[in-house]
Amino acid sequence: MYTSCTQLAYSIVGKQAVSDTALATRLAHLK
């Protein structure tokens, strides 16, 4: 149970990080 919860948390954080990176990349291209 603990492992799956940890994996879920990492998955959410990872997706958020990817979204932030994509957003930063888009903003950089707009400039």
PDB file of N, CA and C in Angstrom:
ATOM      1  N   MET A   1       0.846  -1.203   0.000  1.00  0.00           N
ATOM      2  CA  MET A   1       0.000   0.000   0.000  1.00  0.00           C
ATOM      3  C   MET A   1       0.885   1.259   0.000  1.00  0.00           C
ATOM      4  N   TYR A   2       1.878   1.265   0.889  1.00  0.00           N
ATOM      5  CA  TYR A   2       2.768   2.427   0.977  1.00  0.00           C
ATOM      6  C   TYR A   2       3.485   2.663  -0.349  1.00  0.00           C
ATOM      7  N   THR A   3       3.897   1.558  -0.976  1.00  0.00           N
ATOM      8  CA  THR A   3       4.622   1.669  -2.244  1.00  0.00           C
ATOM      9  C   THR A   3       3.741   2.291  -3.318  1.00  0.00           C
ATOM     10  N   SER A   4       2.494   1.819  -3.418  1.00  0.00           N
ATOM     11  CA  SER A   4       1.601   2.343  -4.459  1.00  0.00           C
ATOM     12  C   SER A   4       1.302   3.819  -4.205  1.00  0.00           C
ATOM     13  N   CYS A   5       1.150   4.188  -2.944  1.00  0.00           N
ATOM     14  CA  CYS A   5       0.881   5.596  -2.622  1.00  0.00           C
ATOM     15  C   CYS A   5       2.078   6.456  -3.015  1.00  0.00           C
ATOM     16  N   THR A   6       3.272   5.933  -2.743  1.00  0.00           N
ATOM     17  CA  THR A   6       4.487   6.670  -3.086  1.00  0.00           C
ATOM     18  C   THR A   6       4.609   6.810  -4.596  1.00  0.00           C
ATOM     19  N   GLN A   7       4.329   5.720  -5.305  1.00  0.00           N
ATOM     20  CA  GLN A   7       4.412   5.761  -6.769  1.00  0.00           C
ATOM     21  C   GLN A   7       3.393   6.750  -7.323  1.00  0.00           C
ATOM     22  N   LEU A   8       2.204   6.790  -6.724  1.00  0.00           N
ATOM     23  CA  LEU A   8       1.163   7.711  -7.172  1.00  0.00           C
ATOM     24  C   LEU A   8       1.628   9.149  -6.967  1.00  0.00           C
ATOM     25  N   ALA A   9       2.220   9.410  -5.805  1.00  0.00           N
ATOM     26  CA  ALA A   9       2.709  10.756  -5.512  1.00  0.00           C
ATOM     27  C   ALA A   9       3.791  11.164  -6.510  1.00  0.00           C
ATOM     28  N   TYR A  10       4.731  10.242  -6.763  1.00  0.00           N
ATOM     29  CA  TYR A  10       5.801  10.538  -7.731  1.00  0.00           C
ATOM     30  C   TYR A  10       5.215  10.780  -9.107  1.00  0.00           C
ATOM     31  N   SER A  11       4.160  10.011  -9.451  1.00  0.00           N
ATOM     32  CA  SER A  11       3.526  10.150 -10.765  1.00  0.00           C
ATOM     33  C   SER A  11       2.916  11.538 -10.902  1.00  0.00           C
ATOM     34  N   ILE A  12       2.210  11.982  -9.857  1.00  0.00           N
ATOM     35  CA  ILE A  12       1.566  13.300  -9.878  1.00  0.00           C
ATOM     36  C   ILE A  12       2.627  14.400  -9.955  1.00  0.00           C
ATOM     37  N   VAL A  13       3.661  14.277  -9.123  1.00  0.00           N
ATOM     38  CA  VAL A  13       4.730  15.284  -9.109  1.00  0.00           C
ATOM     39  C   VAL A  13       5.437  15.310 -10.457  1.00  0.00           C
ATOM     40  N   GLY A  14       5.673  14.125 -11.017  1.00  0.00           N
ATOM     41  CA  GLY A  14       6.347  14.032 -12.306  1.00  0.00           C
ATOM     42  C   GLY A  14       5.549  14.704 -13.401  1.00  0.00           C
ATOM     43  N   LYS A  15       4.231  14.446 -13.423  1.00  0.00           N
ATOM     44  CA  LYS A  15       3.375  15.062 -14.446  1.00  0.00           C
ATOM     45  C   LYS A  15       3.370  16.575 -14.284  1.00  0.00           C
ATOM     46  N   GLN A  16       3.336  17.044 -13.048  1.00  0.00           N
ATOM     47  CA  GLN A  16       3.342  18.480 -12.781  1.00  0.00           C
ATOM     48  C   GLN A  16       4.646  19.095 -13.272  1.00  0.00           C
ATOM     49  N   ALA A  17       5.750  18.394 -13.020  1.00  0.00           N
ATOM     50  CA  ALA A  17       7.059  18.892 -13.445  1.00  0.00           C
ATOM     51  C   ALA A  17       7.117  18.976 -14.962  1.00  0.00           C
ATOM     52  N   VAL A  18       6.585  17.962 -15.627  1.00  0.00           N
ATOM     53  CA  VAL A  18       6.578  17.952 -17.097  1.00  0.00           C
ATOM     54  C   VAL A  18       5.729  19.110 -17.610  1.00  0.00           C
ATOM     55  N   SER A  19       4.575  19.350 -16.965  1.00  0.00           N
ATOM     56  CA  SER A  19       3.697  20.445 -17.388  1.00  0.00           C
ATOM     57  C   SER A  19       4.413  21.784 -17.227  1.00  0.00           C
ATOM     58  N   ASP A  20       5.075  21.963 -16.089  1.00  0.00           N
ATOM     59  CA  ASP A  20       5.799  23.212 -15.833  1.00  0.00           C
ATOM     60  C   ASP A  20       6.913  23.412 -16.857  1.00  0.00           C
ATOM     61  N   THR A  21       7.602  22.331 -17.184  1.00  0.00           N
ATOM     62  CA  THR A  21       8.697  22.419 -18.152  1.00  0.00           C
ATOM     63  C   THR A  21       8.158  22.793 -19.525  1.00  0.00           C
ATOM     64  N   ALA A  22       7.056  22.164 -19.919  1.00  0.00           N
ATOM     65  CA  ALA A  22       6.453  22.452 -21.221  1.00  0.00           C
ATOM     66  C   ALA A  22       5.991  23.906 -21.260  1.00  0.00           C
ATOM     67  N   LEU A  23       5.408  24.367 -20.174  1.00  0.00           N
ATOM     68  CA  LEU A  23       4.926  25.745 -20.106  1.00  0.00           C
ATOM     69  C   LEU A  23       6.105  26.716 -20.198  1.00  0.00           C
ATOM     70  N   ALA A  24       7.168  26.424 -19.463  1.00  0.00           N
ATOM     71  CA  ALA A  24       8.357  27.283 -19.488  1.00  0.00           C
ATOM     72  C   ALA A  24       8.953  27.317 -20.893  1.00  0.00           C
ATOM     73  N   THR A  25       8.952  26.161 -21.551  1.00  0.00           N
ATOM     74  CA  THR A  25       9.497  26.088 -22.912  1.00  0.00           C
ATOM     75  C   THR A  25       8.658  26.944 -23.856  1.00  0.00           C
ATOM     76  N   ARG A  26       7.334  26.857 -23.709  1.00  0.00           N
ATOM     77  CA  ARG A  26       6.439  27.647 -24.564  1.00  0.00           C
ATOM     78  C   ARG A  26       6.668  29.134 -24.335  1.00  0.00           C
ATOM     79  N   LEU A  27       6.778  29.532 -23.076  1.00  0.00           N
ATOM     80  CA  LEU A  27       7.001  30.947 -22.765  1.00  0.00           C
ATOM     81  C   LEU A  27       8.332  31.409 -23.349  1.00  0.00           C
ATOM     82  N   ALA A  28       9.333  30.546 -23.282  1.00  0.00           N
ATOM     83  CA  ALA A  28      10.652  30.893 -23.818  1.00  0.00           C
ATOM     84  C   ALA A  28      10.566  31.096 -25.329  1.00  0.00           C
ATOM     85  N   HIS A  29       9.766  30.265 -25.987  1.00  0.00           N
ATOM     86  CA  HIS A  29       9.627  30.393 -27.443  1.00  0.00           C
ATOM     87  C   HIS A  29       8.854  31.662 -27.812  1.00  0.00           C
ATOM     88  N   LEU A  30       7.919  32.058 -26.951  1.00  0.00           N
ATOM     89  CA  LEU A  30       7.129  33.264 -27.235  1.00  0.00           C
ATOM     90  C   LEU A  30       8.003  34.516 -27.156  1.00  0.00           C
ATOM     91  N   LYS A  31       8.997  34.497 -26.267  1.00  0.00           N
ATOM     92  CA  LYS A  31       9.835  35.688 -26.079  1.00  0.00           C
ATOM     93  C   LYS A  31      10.700  35.975 -27.248  1.00  0.00           C
TER      94      LYS A  31
END
